[in-house]
Amino acid sequence: MDSLNKQQQWQDLGHEMKHYFFDKGIRLYLRKQLVDYFETMANYFAYHFLYPHLCLCV
């Protein structure tokens, strides 16, 4: 984590937060396709959690 810049650290934090709060223990029993899906959803969550679309609130 030390080699990541601030933006990458925040993205990584959001990604891992999604796994922690929504995917507890579930990945041990998933097929590769579902693991890939959960990883994609974690990236999606991190993007929308950390970079909210403020223009939608105006």
C-alpha atoms as a PDB file:
ATOM      1  CA  MET A   1       0.000   0.000   0.000  1.00  0.00           C
ATOM      2  CA  ASP A   2       2.972   2.325   0.499  1.00  0.00           C
ATOM      3  CA  SER A   3       3.699   2.399  -3.236  1.00  0.00           C
ATOM      4  CA  LEU A   4       0.170   3.584  -4.083  1.00  0.00           C
ATOM      5  CA  ASN A   5      -0.646   7.253  -4.514  1.00  0.00           C
ATOM      6  CA  LYS A   6      -3.481   8.871  -2.519  1.00  0.00           C
ATOM      7  CA  GLN A   7      -6.116   8.294  -5.207  1.00  0.00           C
ATOM      8  CA  GLN A   8      -5.177   4.625  -5.528  1.00  0.00           C
ATOM      9  CA  GLN A   9      -5.259   4.225  -1.743  1.00  0.00           C
ATOM     10  CA  TRP A  10      -8.802   5.681  -1.573  1.00  0.00           C
ATOM     11  CA  GLN A  11      -9.918   3.451  -4.456  1.00  0.00           C
ATOM     12  CA  ASP A  12      -8.446   0.417  -2.701  1.00  0.00           C
ATOM     13  CA  LEU A  13     -10.155   1.415   0.564  1.00  0.00           C
ATOM     14  CA  GLY A  14     -13.560   1.707  -1.124  1.00  0.00           C
ATOM     15  CA  HIS A  15     -13.046  -1.612  -2.916  1.00  0.00           C
ATOM     16  CA  GLU A  16     -12.197  -3.423   0.313  1.00  0.00           C
ATOM     17  CA  MET A  17     -15.039  -1.699   2.204  1.00  0.00           C
ATOM     18  CA  LYS A  18     -17.533  -3.223  -0.240  1.00  0.00           C
ATOM     19  CA  HIS A  19     -16.091  -6.678   0.390  1.00  0.00           C
ATOM     20  CA  TYR A  20     -16.071  -6.151   4.160  1.00  0.00           C
ATOM     21  CA  PHE A  21     -19.648  -4.882   4.474  1.00  0.00           C
ATOM     22  CA  PHE A  22     -21.403  -6.887   1.745  1.00  0.00           C
ATOM     23  CA  ASP A  23     -19.397 -10.001   0.833  1.00  0.00           C
ATOM     24  CA  LYS A  24     -18.436 -11.481   4.216  1.00  0.00           C
ATOM     25  CA  GLY A  25     -17.336 -15.092   3.859  1.00  0.00           C
ATOM     26  CA  ILE A  26     -19.162 -15.582   0.595  1.00  0.00           C
ATOM     27  CA  ARG A  27     -16.143 -15.737  -1.736  1.00  0.00           C
ATOM     28  CA  LEU A  28     -14.836 -19.040  -0.399  1.00  0.00           C
ATOM     29  CA  TYR A  29     -17.586 -20.925  -2.211  1.00  0.00           C
ATOM     30  CA  LEU A  30     -17.891 -19.011  -5.485  1.00  0.00           C
ATOM     31  CA  ARG A  31     -16.929 -20.020  -8.981  1.00  0.00           C
ATOM     32  CA  LYS A  32     -14.395 -17.902 -10.876  1.00  0.00           C
ATOM     33  CA  GLN A  33     -17.103 -16.082 -12.860  1.00  0.00           C
ATOM     34  CA  LEU A  34     -18.847 -14.981  -9.672  1.00  0.00           C
ATOM     35  CA  VAL A  35     -15.576 -13.923  -8.050  1.00  0.00           C
ATOM     36  CA  ASP A  36     -14.914 -11.753 -11.114  1.00  0.00           C
ATOM     37  CA  TYR A  37     -18.411 -10.307 -10.791  1.00  0.00           C
ATOM     38  CA  PHE A  38     -17.881  -9.479  -7.095  1.00  0.00           C
ATOM     39  CA  GLU A  39     -14.563  -7.810  -7.924  1.00  0.00           C
ATOM     40  CA  THR A  40     -16.223  -5.711 -10.624  1.00  0.00           C
ATOM     41  CA  MET A  41     -19.018  -4.734  -8.251  1.00  0.00           C
ATOM     42  CA  ALA A  42     -16.461  -3.782  -5.574  1.00  0.00           C
ATOM     43  CA  ASN A  43     -14.744  -1.472  -8.074  1.00  0.00           C
ATOM     44  CA  TYR A  44     -18.130   0.003  -9.046  1.00  0.00           C
ATOM     45  CA  PHE A  45     -19.001   0.554  -5.373  1.00  0.00           C
ATOM     46  CA  ALA A  46     -15.645   2.202  -4.682  1.00  0.00           C
ATOM     47  CA  TYR A  47     -16.047   4.568  -7.623  1.00  0.00           C
ATOM     48  CA  HIS A  48     -19.557   5.662  -6.651  1.00  0.00           C
ATOM     49  CA  PHE A  49     -18.908   5.747  -2.917  1.00  0.00           C
ATOM     50  CA  LEU A  50     -15.732   7.804  -3.127  1.00  0.00           C
ATOM     51  CA  TYR A  51     -16.603   9.958  -6.145  1.00  0.00           C
ATOM     52  CA  PRO A  52     -20.277  10.880  -5.765  1.00  0.00           C
ATOM     53  CA  HIS A  53     -21.937  12.497  -8.727  1.00  0.00           C
ATOM     54  CA  LEU A  54     -22.600  15.913  -7.253  1.00  0.00           C
ATOM     55  CA  CYS A  55     -24.203  17.188 -10.428  1.00  0.00           C
ATOM     56  CA  LEU A  56     -27.172  14.874  -9.774  1.00  0.00           C
ATOM     57  CA  CYS A  57     -27.860  16.625  -6.462  1.00  0.00           C
ATOM     58  CA  VAL A  58     -28.179  20.108  -7.943  1.00  0.00           C
END
